[in-house]
PDB file of all heavy atoms in Angstrom:
ATOM      1  N   ALA A   1      43.037 121.497 134.910  1.00  0.00           N
ATOM      2  CA  ALA A   1      43.994 121.304 135.997  1.00  0.00           C
ATOM      3  C   ALA A   1      43.480 120.361 137.069  1.00  0.00           C
ATOM      4  O   ALA A   1      44.269 119.814 137.847  1.00  0.00           O
ATOM      5  CB  ALA A   1      44.354 122.650 136.619  1.00  0.00           C
ATOM      6  N   ALA A   2      42.176 120.160 137.132  1.00  0.00           N
ATOM      7  CA  ALA A   2      41.596 119.331 138.194  1.00  0.00           C
ATOM      8  C   ALA A   2      41.262 117.922 137.727  1.00  0.00           C
ATOM      9  O   ALA A   2      40.712 117.129 138.501  1.00  0.00           O
ATOM     10  CB  ALA A   2      40.339 120.007 138.745  1.00  0.00           C
ATOM     11  N   LEU A   3      41.576 117.572 136.479  1.00  0.00           N
ATOM     12  CA  LEU A   3      41.287 116.226 135.990  1.00  0.00           C
ATOM     13  C   LEU A   3      42.133 115.197 136.732  1.00  0.00           C
ATOM     14  O   LEU A   3      43.310 115.422 137.017  1.00  0.00           O
ATOM     15  CB  LEU A   3      41.572 116.129 134.489  1.00  0.00           C
ATOM     16  CG  LEU A   3      40.763 117.033 133.554  1.00  0.00           C
ATOM     17  CD1 LEU A   3      41.169 116.781 132.111  1.00  0.00           C
ATOM     18  CD2 LEU A   3      39.267 116.816 133.732  1.00  0.00           C
ATOM     19  N   LEU A   4      41.532 114.057 137.040  1.00  0.00           N
ATOM     20  CA  LEU A   4      42.228 112.978 137.733  1.00  0.00           C
ATOM     21  C   LEU A   4      42.172 111.718 136.878  1.00  0.00           C
ATOM     22  O   LEU A   4      41.135 111.417 136.277  1.00  0.00           O
ATOM     23  CB  LEU A   4      41.572 112.693 139.084  1.00  0.00           C
ATOM     24  CG  LEU A   4      41.544 113.848 140.084  1.00  0.00           C
ATOM     25  CD1 LEU A   4      40.643 113.495 141.260  1.00  0.00           C
ATOM     26  CD2 LEU A   4      42.953 114.179 140.548  1.00  0.00           C
ATOM     27  N   PRO A   5      43.250 110.957 136.801  1.00  0.00           N
ATOM     28  CA  PRO A   5      43.214 109.718 136.005  1.00  0.00           C
ATOM     29  C   PRO A   5      42.274 108.698 136.626  1.00  0.00           C
ATOM     30  O   PRO A   5      42.287 108.470 137.838  1.00  0.00           O
ATOM     31  CB  PRO A   5      44.665 109.235 136.044  1.00  0.00           C
ATOM     32  CG  PRO A   5      45.271 109.882 137.252  1.00  0.00           C
ATOM     33  CD  PRO A   5      44.578 111.195 137.413  1.00  0.00           C
ATOM     34  N   ALA A   6      41.439 108.080 135.801  1.00  0.00           N
ATOM     35  CA  ALA A   6      40.517 107.053 136.295  1.00  0.00           C
ATOM     36  C   ALA A   6      41.293 105.761 136.533  1.00  0.00           C
ATOM     37  O   ALA A   6      42.052 105.323 135.657  1.00  0.00           O
ATOM     38  CB  ALA A   6      39.398 106.819 135.294  1.00  0.00           C
ATOM     39  N   PRO A   7      41.161 105.127 137.687  1.00  0.00           N
ATOM     40  CA  PRO A   7      41.883 103.876 137.963  1.00  0.00           C
ATOM     41  C   PRO A   7      41.523 102.789 136.954  1.00  0.00           C
ATOM     42  O   PRO A   7      40.349 102.579 136.636  1.00  0.00           O
ATOM     43  CB  PRO A   7      41.423 103.494 139.372  1.00  0.00           C
ATOM     44  CG  PRO A   7      40.986 104.784 139.992  1.00  0.00           C
ATOM     45  CD  PRO A   7      40.399 105.578 138.863  1.00  0.00           C
ATOM     46  N   ASP A   8      42.528 102.087 136.483  1.00  0.00           N
ATOM     47  CA  ASP A   8      42.305 101.045 135.478  1.00  0.00           C
ATOM     48  C   ASP A   8      41.460  99.889 136.008  1.00  0.00           C
ATOM     49  O   ASP A   8      40.775  99.212 135.235  1.00  0.00           O
ATOM     50  CB  ASP A   8      43.645 100.506 134.974  1.00  0.00           C
ATOM     51  CG  ASP A   8      44.439 101.538 134.180  1.00  0.00           C
ATOM     52  OD1 ASP A   8      43.802 102.450 133.613  1.00  0.00           O
ATOM     53  OD2 ASP A   8      45.677 101.422 134.137  1.00  0.00           O
ATOM     54  N   VAL A   9      41.510  99.648 137.323  1.00  0.00           N
ATOM     55  CA  VAL A   9      40.798  98.490 137.887  1.00  0.00           C
ATOM     56  C   VAL A   9      39.302  98.736 138.013  1.00  0.00           C
ATOM     57  O   VAL A   9      38.554  97.799 138.305  1.00  0.00           O
ATOM     58  CB  VAL A   9      41.380  98.102 139.265  1.00  0.00           C
ATOM     59  CG1 VAL A   9      42.821  97.676 139.138  1.00  0.00           C
ATOM     60  CG2 VAL A   9      41.222  99.230 140.268  1.00  0.00           C
ATOM     61  N   LEU A  10      38.852  99.971 137.821  1.00  0.00           N
ATOM     62  CA  LEU A  10      37.435 100.296 137.941  1.00  0.00           C
ATOM     63  C   LEU A  10      36.831 100.545 136.567  1.00  0.00           C
ATOM     64  O   LEU A  10      37.471 101.158 135.698  1.00  0.00           O
ATOM     65  CB  LEU A  10      37.242 101.539 138.814  1.00  0.00           C
ATOM     66  CG  LEU A  10      37.790 101.475 140.244  1.00  0.00           C
ATOM     67  CD1 LEU A  10      37.505 102.790 140.959  1.00  0.00           C
ATOM     68  CD2 LEU A  10      37.209 100.300 141.013  1.00  0.00           C
ATOM     69  N   ASP A  11      35.594 100.082 136.358  1.00  0.00           N
ATOM     70  CA  ASP A  11      34.922 100.427 135.113  1.00  0.00           C
ATOM     71  C   ASP A  11      34.434 101.875 135.192  1.00  0.00           C
ATOM     72  O   ASP A  11      34.632 102.559 136.206  1.00  0.00           O
ATOM     73  CB  ASP A  11      33.794  99.441 134.791  1.00  0.00           C
ATOM     74  CG  ASP A  11      32.626  99.474 135.778  1.00  0.00           C
ATOM     75  OD1 ASP A  11      32.413 100.509 136.454  1.00  0.00           O
ATOM     76  OD2 ASP A  11      31.897  98.465 135.869  1.00  0.00           O
ATOM     77  N   ASP A  12      33.814 102.349 134.125  1.00  0.00           N
ATOM     78  CA  ASP A  12      33.468 103.775 134.064  1.00  0.00           C
ATOM     79  C   ASP A  12      32.492 104.183 135.157  1.00  0.00           C
ATOM     80  O   ASP A  12      32.638 105.243 135.779  1.00  0.00           O
ATOM     81  CB  ASP A  12      32.870 104.108 132.684  1.00  0.00           C
ATOM     82  CG  ASP A  12      33.881 103.981 131.561  1.00  0.00           C
ATOM     83  OD1 ASP A  12      35.088 104.077 131.848  1.00  0.00           O
ATOM     84  OD2 ASP A  12      33.462 103.785 130.410  1.00  0.00           O
ATOM     85  N   ALA A  13      31.479 103.360 135.414  1.00  0.00           N
ATOM     86  CA  ALA A  13      30.498 103.698 136.446  1.00  0.00           C
ATOM     87  C   ALA A  13      31.149 103.713 137.826  1.00  0.00           C
ATOM     88  O   ALA A  13      30.891 104.598 138.645  1.00  0.00           O
ATOM     89  CB  ALA A  13      29.337 102.706 136.417  1.00  0.00           C
ATOM     90  N   GLU A  14      32.008 102.750 138.104  1.00  0.00           N
ATOM     91  CA  GLU A  14      32.708 102.713 139.393  1.00  0.00           C
ATOM     92  C   GLU A  14      33.651 103.903 139.537  1.00  0.00           C
ATOM     93  O   GLU A  14      33.738 104.519 140.598  1.00  0.00           O
ATOM     94  CB  GLU A  14      33.473 101.406 139.528  1.00  0.00           C
ATOM     95  CG  GLU A  14      32.586 100.176 139.630  1.00  0.00           C
ATOM     96  CD  GLU A  14      33.329  98.880 139.393  1.00  0.00           C
ATOM     97  OE1 GLU A  14      34.438  98.910 138.830  1.00  0.00           O
ATOM     98  OE2 GLU A  14      32.788  97.821 139.767  1.00  0.00           O
ATOM     99  N   ALA A  15      34.351 104.231 138.460  1.00  0.00           N
ATOM    100  CA  ALA A  15      35.278 105.368 138.512  1.00  0.00           C
ATOM    101  C   ALA A  15      34.531 106.671 138.746  1.00  0.00           C
ATOM    102  O   ALA A  15      34.995 107.552 139.485  1.00  0.00           O
ATOM    103  CB  ALA A  15      36.088 105.446 137.213  1.00  0.00           C
ATOM    104  N   ALA A  16      33.344 106.814 138.139  1.00  0.00           N
ATOM    105  CA  ALA A  16      32.562 108.037 138.328  1.00  0.00           C
ATOM    106  C   ALA A  16      32.147 108.210 139.775  1.00  0.00           C
ATOM    107  O   ALA A  16      31.949 109.339 140.242  1.00  0.00           O
ATOM    108  CB  ALA A  16      31.314 108.010 137.437  1.00  0.00           C
ATOM    109  N   ALA A  17      32.019 107.090 140.506  1.00  0.00           N
ATOM    110  CA  ALA A  17      31.566 107.137 141.896  1.00  0.00           C
ATOM    111  C   ALA A  17      32.718 107.142 142.894  1.00  0.00           C
ATOM    112  O   ALA A  17      32.475 107.117 144.104  1.00  0.00           O
ATOM    113  CB  ALA A  17      30.656 105.948 142.181  1.00  0.00           C
ATOM    114  N   LEU A  18      33.952 107.188 142.431  1.00  0.00           N
ATOM    115  CA  LEU A  18      35.094 107.112 143.353  1.00  0.00           C
ATOM    116  C   LEU A  18      35.436 108.447 143.986  1.00  0.00           C
ATOM    117  O   LEU A  18      35.995 108.490 145.084  1.00  0.00           O
ATOM    118  CB  LEU A  18      36.326 106.575 142.608  1.00  0.00           C
ATOM    119  CG  LEU A  18      37.591 106.417 143.472  1.00  0.00           C
ATOM    120  CD1 LEU A  18      37.430 105.269 144.453  1.00  0.00           C
ATOM    121  CD2 LEU A  18      38.831 106.204 142.611  1.00  0.00           C
ATOM    122  N   HIS A  19      35.082 109.535 143.357  1.00  0.00           N
ATOM    123  CA  HIS A  19      35.688 110.817 143.700  1.00  0.00           C
ATOM    124  C   HIS A  19      35.079 111.493 144.935  1.00  0.00           C
ATOM    125  O   HIS A  19      35.683 111.489 146.014  1.00  0.00           O
ATOM    126  CB  HIS A  19      35.604 111.738 142.490  1.00  0.00           C
ATOM    127  CG  HIS A  19      36.365 113.014 142.618  1.00  0.00           C
ATOM    128  ND1 HIS A  19      37.603 113.091 143.200  1.00  0.00           N
ATOM    129  CD2 HIS A  19      36.052 114.276 142.242  1.00  0.00           C
ATOM    130  CE1 HIS A  19      38.037 114.333 143.168  1.00  0.00           C
ATOM    131  NE2 HIS A  19      37.107 115.077 142.598  1.00  0.00           N
ATOM    132  N   ILE A  20      33.900 112.080 144.829  1.00  0.00           N
ATOM    133  CA  ILE A  20      33.375 112.931 145.901  1.00  0.00           C
ATOM    134  C   ILE A  20      33.121 112.138 147.182  1.00  0.00           C
ATOM    135  O   ILE A  20      33.565 112.520 148.271  1.00  0.00           O
ATOM    136  CB  ILE A  20      32.084 113.640 145.446  1.00  0.00           C
ATOM    137  CG1 ILE A  20      32.385 114.605 144.297  1.00  0.00           C
ATOM    138  CG2 ILE A  20      31.460 114.404 146.614  1.00  0.00           C
ATOM    139  CD1 ILE A  20      31.151 115.270 143.706  1.00  0.00           C
ATOM    140  N   GLY A  21      32.406 111.018 147.085  1.00  0.00           N
ATOM    141  CA  GLY A  21      32.081 110.244 148.272  1.00  0.00           C
ATOM    142  C   GLY A  21      33.305 109.701 148.980  1.00  0.00           C
ATOM    143  O   GLY A  21      33.406 109.746 150.216  1.00  0.00           O
ATOM    144  N   TYR A  22      34.240 109.184 148.219  1.00  0.00           N
ATOM    145  CA  TYR A  22      35.438 108.594 148.823  1.00  0.00           C
ATOM    146  C   TYR A  22      36.394 109.665 149.327  1.00  0.00           C
ATOM    147  O   TYR A  22      37.037 109.484 150.367  1.00  0.00           O
ATOM    148  CB  TYR A  22      36.127 107.651 147.832  1.00  0.00           C
ATOM    149  CG  TYR A  22      35.455 106.310 147.769  1.00  0.00           C
ATOM    150  CD1 TYR A  22      34.356 106.101 146.937  1.00  0.00           C
ATOM    151  CD2 TYR A  22      35.868 105.255 148.569  1.00  0.00           C
ATOM    152  CE1 TYR A  22      33.714 104.879 146.890  1.00  0.00           C
ATOM    153  CE2 TYR A  22      35.238 104.021 148.536  1.00  0.00           C
ATOM    154  CZ  TYR A  22      34.162 103.841 147.691  1.00  0.00           C
ATOM    155  OH  TYR A  22      33.510 102.626 147.665  1.00  0.00           O
ATOM    156  N   GLN A  23      36.498 110.771 148.611  1.00  0.00           N
ATOM    157  CA  GLN A  23      37.324 111.863 149.125  1.00  0.00           C
ATOM    158  C   GLN A  23      36.705 112.423 150.408  1.00  0.00           C
ATOM    159  O   GLN A  23      37.412 112.727 151.379  1.00  0.00           O
ATOM    160  CB  GLN A  23      37.466 112.967 148.074  1.00  0.00           C
ATOM    161  CG  GLN A  23      38.316 112.577 146.879  1.00  0.00           C
ATOM    162  CD  GLN A  23      39.632 113.330 146.813  1.00  0.00           C
ATOM    163  OE1 GLN A  23      39.856 114.301 147.523  1.00  0.00           O
ATOM    164  NE2 GLN A  23      40.524 112.868 145.948  1.00  0.00           N
ATOM    165  N   THR A  24      35.370 112.540 150.428  1.00  0.00           N
ATOM    166  CA  THR A  24      34.693 112.989 151.641  1.00  0.00           C
ATOM    167  C   THR A  24      34.992 112.041 152.794  1.00  0.00           C
ATOM    168  O   THR A  24      35.320 112.466 153.911  1.00  0.00           O
ATOM    169  CB  THR A  24      33.183 113.075 151.399  1.00  0.00           C
ATOM    170  OG1 THR A  24      32.913 114.077 150.408  1.00  0.00           O
ATOM    171  CG2 THR A  24      32.432 113.436 152.675  1.00  0.00           C
ATOM    172  N   GLY A  25      34.877 110.754 152.541  1.00  0.00           N
ATOM    173  CA  GLY A  25      35.161 109.771 153.574  1.00  0.00           C
ATOM    174  C   GLY A  25      36.599 109.823 154.044  1.00  0.00           C
ATOM    175  O   GLY A  25      36.879 109.790 155.252  1.00  0.00           O
ATOM    176  N   TRP A  26      37.529 109.916 153.104  1.00  0.00           N
ATOM    177  CA  TRP A  26      38.948 109.893 153.474  1.00  0.00           C
ATOM    178  C   TRP A  26      39.332 111.136 154.272  1.00  0.00           C
ATOM    179  O   TRP A  26      39.963 111.026 155.329  1.00  0.00           O
ATOM    180  CB  TRP A  26      39.820 109.781 152.225  1.00  0.00           C
ATOM    181  CG  TRP A  26      41.245 109.435 152.563  1.00  0.00           C
ATOM    182  CD1 TRP A  26      41.807 108.188 152.616  1.00  0.00           C
ATOM    183  CD2 TRP A  26      42.287 110.354 152.914  1.00  0.00           C
ATOM    184  NE1 TRP A  26      43.118 108.274 152.987  1.00  0.00           N
ATOM    185  CE2 TRP A  26      43.440 109.589 153.179  1.00  0.00           C
ATOM    186  CE3 TRP A  26      42.352 111.730 153.032  1.00  0.00           C
ATOM    187  CZ2 TRP A  26      44.653 110.173 153.552  1.00  0.00           C
ATOM    188  CZ3 TRP A  26      43.552 112.319 153.416  1.00  0.00           C
ATOM    189  CH2 TRP A  26      44.688 111.548 153.663  1.00  0.00           C
ATOM    190  N   PHE A  27      38.964 112.324 153.775  1.00  0.00           N
ATOM    191  CA  PHE A  27      39.295 113.550 154.504  1.00  0.00           C
ATOM    192  C   PHE A  27      38.593 113.582 155.856  1.00  0.00           C
ATOM    193  O   PHE A  27      39.173 114.030 156.858  1.00  0.00           O
ATOM    194  CB  PHE A  27      38.926 114.787 153.681  1.00  0.00           C
ATOM    195  CG  PHE A  27      39.982 115.199 152.701  1.00  0.00           C
ATOM    196  CD1 PHE A  27      39.918 114.816 151.374  1.00  0.00           C
ATOM    197  CD2 PHE A  27      41.067 115.961 153.107  1.00  0.00           C
ATOM    198  CE1 PHE A  27      40.896 115.182 150.474  1.00  0.00           C
ATOM    199  CE2 PHE A  27      42.054 116.348 152.213  1.00  0.00           C
ATOM    200  CZ  PHE A  27      41.974 115.950 150.893  1.00  0.00           C
ATOM    201  N   GLY A  28      37.352 113.119 155.904  1.00  0.00           N
ATOM    202  CA  GLY A  28      36.623 113.116 157.159  1.00  0.00           C
ATOM    203  C   GLY A  28      37.262 112.199 158.189  1.00  0.00           C
ATOM    204  O   GLY A  28      37.513 112.598 159.336  1.00  0.00           O
ATOM    205  N   LEU A  29      37.551 110.981 157.794  1.00  0.00           N
ATOM    206  CA  LEU A  29      38.075 110.002 158.737  1.00  0.00           C
ATOM    207  C   LEU A  29      39.531 110.260 159.103  1.00  0.00           C
ATOM    208  O   LEU A  29      39.923 110.087 160.269  1.00  0.00           O
ATOM    209  CB  LEU A  29      37.921 108.591 158.167  1.00  0.00           C
ATOM    210  CG  LEU A  29      36.484 108.114 157.933  1.00  0.00           C
ATOM    211  CD1 LEU A  29      36.484 106.712 157.354  1.00  0.00           C
ATOM    212  CD2 LEU A  29      35.671 108.167 159.214  1.00  0.00           C
ATOM    213  N   HIS A  30      40.328 110.682 158.119  1.00  0.00           N
ATOM    214  CA  HIS A  30      41.773 110.783 158.366  1.00  0.00           C
ATOM    215  C   HIS A  30      42.246 112.198 158.687  1.00  0.00           C
ATOM    216  O   HIS A  30      43.046 112.384 159.605  1.00  0.00           O
ATOM    217  CB  HIS A  30      42.540 110.215 157.175  1.00  0.00           C
ATOM    218  CG  HIS A  30      42.370 108.738 157.006  1.00  0.00           C
ATOM    219  ND1 HIS A  30      42.945 107.821 157.843  1.00  0.00           N
ATOM    220  CD2 HIS A  30      41.651 108.019 156.110  1.00  0.00           C
ATOM    221  CE1 HIS A  30      42.612 106.599 157.475  1.00  0.00           C
ATOM    222  NE2 HIS A  30      41.814 106.691 156.423  1.00  0.00           N
ATOM    223  N   ARG A  31      41.760 113.190 157.975  1.00  0.00           N
ATOM    224  CA  ARG A  31      42.220 114.560 158.230  1.00  0.00           C
ATOM    225  C   ARG A  31      41.478 115.210 159.392  1.00  0.00           C
ATOM    226  O   ARG A  31      42.060 115.947 160.181  1.00  0.00           O
ATOM    227  CB  ARG A  31      42.062 115.420 156.969  1.00  0.00           C
ATOM    228  CG  ARG A  31      43.101 115.182 155.890  1.00  0.00           C
ATOM    229  CD  ARG A  31      44.457 115.775 156.260  1.00  0.00           C
ATOM    230  NE  ARG A  31      44.444 117.222 156.265  1.00  0.00           N
ATOM    231  CZ  ARG A  31      44.836 117.994 155.251  1.00  0.00           C
ATOM    232  NH1 ARG A  31      45.269 117.446 154.131  1.00  0.00           N
ATOM    233  NH2 ARG A  31      44.808 119.307 155.356  1.00  0.00           N
TER     234      ARG A  31
END
């Protein structure tokens, strides 16, 4: 239920690094 589609514009290594750090940044800065 928690799987997220990997963005097509990112390769596998970039996609692996998109989730926790960027979600942390987005929730921190915006929420």
